[in-house]
């Protein structure tokens, strides 16, 4: 999984809580099998990780030098 290959991206760095979570969960409701969602955030989204785990998603988090946190999300493969 690489961020540049993501099917959809949400740049949530300028949004106030809970908007990043709301937008991410909404996008995940429409995420097709095999597609990926890249979410850009100003900090690591620990509550999101639990929601992803419960709902059967896999993710990879990358912290960039500018402070941006990239979370690349996809459906877990069986």
N, C-alpha and C. Protein backbone atom coordinates (compact mmCIF):
# COMPACT_ATOMS: atom_id res chain seq x y z
N UNK A 1 0.84 -1.18 0.00
CA UNK A 1 0.00 0.00 0.00
C UNK A 1 0.88 1.24 0.00
N UNK A 2 0.61 2.12 -0.93
CA UNK A 2 1.30 3.40 -0.93
C UNK A 2 0.28 4.50 -1.06
N UNK A 3 0.56 5.64 -0.42
CA UNK A 3 -0.37 6.75 -0.44
C UNK A 3 -0.69 7.24 -1.83
N UNK A 4 0.29 7.24 -2.72
CA UNK A 4 0.07 7.76 -4.07
C UNK A 4 -0.87 6.89 -4.88
N UNK A 5 -1.09 5.64 -4.45
CA UNK A 5 -1.97 4.72 -5.17
C UNK A 5 -3.40 4.72 -4.62
N UNK A 6 -3.66 5.52 -3.60
CA UNK A 6 -4.98 5.52 -2.98
C UNK A 6 -6.06 5.92 -3.99
N UNK A 7 -7.21 5.27 -3.88
CA UNK A 7 -8.32 5.54 -4.76
C UNK A 7 -8.98 6.88 -4.41
N UNK A 8 -9.02 7.21 -3.14
CA UNK A 8 -9.68 8.42 -2.67
C UNK A 8 -8.85 9.05 -1.56
N UNK A 9 -8.92 10.38 -1.43
CA UNK A 9 -8.16 11.07 -0.39
C UNK A 9 -9.06 12.07 0.32
N UNK A 10 -8.86 12.16 1.64
CA UNK A 10 -9.50 13.18 2.45
C UNK A 10 -8.40 13.98 3.13
N UNK A 11 -8.36 15.27 2.87
CA UNK A 11 -7.41 16.15 3.55
C UNK A 11 -8.16 16.79 4.71
N UNK A 12 -7.96 16.23 5.90
CA UNK A 12 -8.69 16.67 7.09
C UNK A 12 -7.83 17.53 8.01
N UNK A 13 -6.70 18.00 7.52
CA UNK A 13 -5.78 18.76 8.38
C UNK A 13 -6.36 20.07 8.88
N UNK A 14 -7.27 20.69 8.16
CA UNK A 14 -7.83 21.96 8.61
C UNK A 14 -9.20 21.85 9.23
N UNK A 15 -9.67 20.63 9.46
CA UNK A 15 -11.01 20.43 9.98
C UNK A 15 -11.00 20.29 11.50
N UNK A 16 -12.08 20.76 12.11
CA UNK A 16 -12.25 20.63 13.56
C UNK A 16 -12.93 19.31 13.88
N UNK A 17 -12.55 18.69 15.01
CA UNK A 17 -13.24 17.46 15.43
C UNK A 17 -14.73 17.76 15.67
N UNK A 18 -15.59 16.84 15.36
CA UNK A 18 -15.37 15.46 14.92
C UNK A 18 -15.39 15.29 13.40
N UNK A 19 -15.31 16.38 12.66
CA UNK A 19 -15.45 16.32 11.20
C UNK A 19 -14.50 15.33 10.51
N UNK A 20 -13.21 15.26 10.89
CA UNK A 20 -12.35 14.26 10.23
C UNK A 20 -12.86 12.83 10.41
N UNK A 21 -13.32 12.49 11.59
CA UNK A 21 -13.83 11.15 11.85
C UNK A 21 -15.12 10.92 11.07
N UNK A 22 -16.01 11.90 11.07
CA UNK A 22 -17.28 11.77 10.36
C UNK A 22 -17.04 11.56 8.87
N UNK A 23 -16.17 12.37 8.28
CA UNK A 23 -15.89 12.25 6.84
C UNK A 23 -15.20 10.93 6.51
N UNK A 24 -14.30 10.50 7.37
CA UNK A 24 -13.59 9.25 7.13
C UNK A 24 -14.54 8.07 7.20
N UNK A 25 -15.37 8.01 8.23
CA UNK A 25 -16.30 6.89 8.37
C UNK A 25 -17.31 6.87 7.23
N UNK A 26 -17.75 8.04 6.79
CA UNK A 26 -18.67 8.12 5.65
C UNK A 26 -17.99 7.58 4.39
N UNK A 27 -16.76 7.97 4.15
CA UNK A 27 -16.03 7.49 2.97
C UNK A 27 -15.82 5.98 3.04
N UNK A 28 -15.58 5.45 4.23
CA UNK A 28 -15.38 4.01 4.37
C UNK A 28 -16.66 3.23 4.09
N UNK A 29 -17.81 3.84 4.36
CA UNK A 29 -19.08 3.19 4.04
C UNK A 29 -19.22 2.95 2.54
N UNK A 30 -18.51 3.74 1.73
CA UNK A 30 -18.62 3.64 0.27
C UNK A 30 -17.35 3.08 -0.38
N UNK A 31 -16.42 2.60 0.44
CA UNK A 31 -15.15 2.09 -0.08
C UNK A 31 -15.35 0.69 -0.67
N UNK A 32 -15.06 0.56 -1.96
CA UNK A 32 -15.19 -0.72 -2.65
C UNK A 32 -14.04 -1.64 -2.24
N UNK A 33 -14.27 -2.93 -2.35
CA UNK A 33 -13.21 -3.90 -2.10
C UNK A 33 -12.08 -3.65 -3.10
N UNK A 34 -10.86 -3.59 -2.61
CA UNK A 34 -9.71 -3.33 -3.46
C UNK A 34 -9.33 -1.86 -3.56
N UNK A 35 -10.23 -0.97 -3.17
CA UNK A 35 -9.93 0.46 -3.17
C UNK A 35 -9.25 0.84 -1.86
N UNK A 36 -8.59 2.00 -1.87
CA UNK A 36 -7.93 2.50 -0.67
C UNK A 36 -8.33 3.94 -0.42
N UNK A 37 -8.34 4.32 0.84
CA UNK A 37 -8.64 5.68 1.26
C UNK A 37 -7.42 6.23 1.98
N UNK A 38 -6.94 7.38 1.53
CA UNK A 38 -5.83 8.06 2.19
C UNK A 38 -6.40 9.25 2.95
N UNK A 39 -6.14 9.29 4.25
CA UNK A 39 -6.61 10.40 5.09
C UNK A 39 -5.39 11.15 5.60
N UNK A 40 -5.38 12.47 5.39
CA UNK A 40 -4.31 13.35 5.87
C UNK A 40 -4.82 14.07 7.11
N UNK A 41 -4.06 13.97 8.20
CA UNK A 41 -4.48 14.53 9.49
C UNK A 41 -3.34 15.29 10.14
N UNK A 42 -3.68 16.19 11.07
CA UNK A 42 -2.64 16.95 11.78
C UNK A 42 -2.04 16.19 12.97
N UNK A 43 -2.68 15.07 13.36
CA UNK A 43 -2.17 14.27 14.48
C UNK A 43 -2.65 12.83 14.30
N UNK A 44 -2.05 11.93 15.06
CA UNK A 44 -2.42 10.53 14.94
C UNK A 44 -3.84 10.30 15.48
N UNK A 45 -4.69 9.60 14.73
CA UNK A 45 -6.11 9.45 15.08
C UNK A 45 -6.40 8.16 15.87
N UNK A 46 -5.98 8.11 17.11
CA UNK A 46 -6.13 6.88 17.89
C UNK A 46 -7.57 6.37 17.96
N UNK A 47 -8.60 7.22 18.12
CA UNK A 47 -9.97 6.68 18.13
C UNK A 47 -10.36 6.03 16.79
N UNK A 48 -9.83 6.54 15.70
CA UNK A 48 -10.13 5.96 14.39
C UNK A 48 -9.60 4.53 14.29
N UNK A 49 -8.44 4.27 14.84
CA UNK A 49 -7.85 2.94 14.75
C UNK A 49 -8.78 1.87 15.31
N UNK A 50 -9.40 2.16 16.42
CA UNK A 50 -10.33 1.19 17.04
C UNK A 50 -11.53 0.94 16.13
N UNK A 51 -12.07 2.03 15.56
CA UNK A 51 -13.21 1.89 14.64
C UNK A 51 -12.82 1.07 13.42
N UNK A 52 -11.62 1.28 12.91
CA UNK A 52 -11.15 0.51 11.76
C UNK A 52 -11.03 -0.98 12.10
N UNK A 53 -10.47 -1.25 13.27
CA UNK A 53 -10.30 -2.63 13.70
C UNK A 53 -11.65 -3.34 13.83
N UNK A 54 -12.59 -2.69 14.47
CA UNK A 54 -13.92 -3.27 14.70
C UNK A 54 -14.63 -3.54 13.38
N UNK A 55 -14.42 -2.68 12.39
CA UNK A 55 -15.16 -2.77 11.13
C UNK A 55 -14.41 -3.49 10.01
N UNK A 56 -13.29 -4.14 10.34
CA UNK A 56 -12.63 -5.00 9.37
C UNK A 56 -11.75 -4.30 8.36
N UNK A 57 -11.15 -3.19 8.75
CA UNK A 57 -10.24 -2.48 7.86
C UNK A 57 -8.79 -2.66 8.31
N UNK A 58 -7.89 -2.61 7.35
CA UNK A 58 -6.46 -2.60 7.62
C UNK A 58 -5.97 -1.19 7.31
N UNK A 59 -4.89 -0.77 7.97
CA UNK A 59 -4.37 0.57 7.75
C UNK A 59 -2.88 0.61 7.97
N UNK A 60 -2.28 1.65 7.40
CA UNK A 60 -0.87 1.93 7.64
C UNK A 60 -0.75 3.43 7.89
N UNK A 61 -0.06 3.77 8.95
CA UNK A 61 0.12 5.17 9.32
C UNK A 61 1.56 5.58 9.05
N UNK A 62 1.70 6.75 8.43
CA UNK A 62 3.01 7.32 8.16
C UNK A 62 3.02 8.75 8.69
N UNK A 63 4.02 9.08 9.50
CA UNK A 63 4.18 10.44 10.01
C UNK A 63 5.21 11.15 9.13
N UNK A 64 4.79 12.23 8.50
CA UNK A 64 5.65 12.98 7.60
C UNK A 64 6.45 14.04 8.35
N UNK A 65 7.57 14.49 7.79
CA UNK A 65 8.41 15.49 8.46
C UNK A 65 7.68 16.80 8.79
N UNK A 66 6.67 17.16 7.99
CA UNK A 66 5.96 18.42 8.26
C UNK A 66 4.89 18.28 9.35
N UNK A 67 4.78 17.09 9.95
CA UNK A 67 3.81 16.86 11.02
C UNK A 67 2.53 16.22 10.54
N UNK A 68 2.34 16.13 9.24
CA UNK A 68 1.14 15.48 8.71
C UNK A 68 1.20 13.98 8.99
N UNK A 69 0.05 13.44 9.35
CA UNK A 69 -0.09 12.01 9.56
C UNK A 69 -0.94 11.47 8.41
N UNK A 70 -0.38 10.52 7.67
CA UNK A 70 -1.11 9.86 6.59
C UNK A 70 -1.60 8.51 7.10
N UNK A 71 -2.90 8.26 6.90
CA UNK A 71 -3.45 6.95 7.25
C UNK A 71 -4.04 6.38 5.96
N UNK A 72 -3.46 5.30 5.50
CA UNK A 72 -3.92 4.63 4.29
C UNK A 72 -4.75 3.42 4.72
N UNK A 73 -6.01 3.39 4.28
CA UNK A 73 -6.99 2.41 4.77
C UNK A 73 -7.51 1.57 3.61
N UNK A 74 -7.68 0.28 3.88
CA UNK A 74 -8.29 -0.64 2.90
C UNK A 74 -9.05 -1.72 3.67
N UNK A 75 -9.89 -2.46 2.96
CA UNK A 75 -10.54 -3.61 3.57
C UNK A 75 -9.49 -4.67 3.86
N UNK A 76 -9.65 -5.37 4.99
CA UNK A 76 -8.74 -6.48 5.29
C UNK A 76 -8.98 -7.60 4.30
N UNK A 77 -7.90 -8.24 3.90
CA UNK A 77 -8.04 -9.40 3.03
C UNK A 77 -8.19 -10.65 3.88
N UNK A 78 -8.98 -11.57 3.42
CA UNK A 78 -9.24 -12.79 4.19
C UNK A 78 -8.12 -13.76 4.04
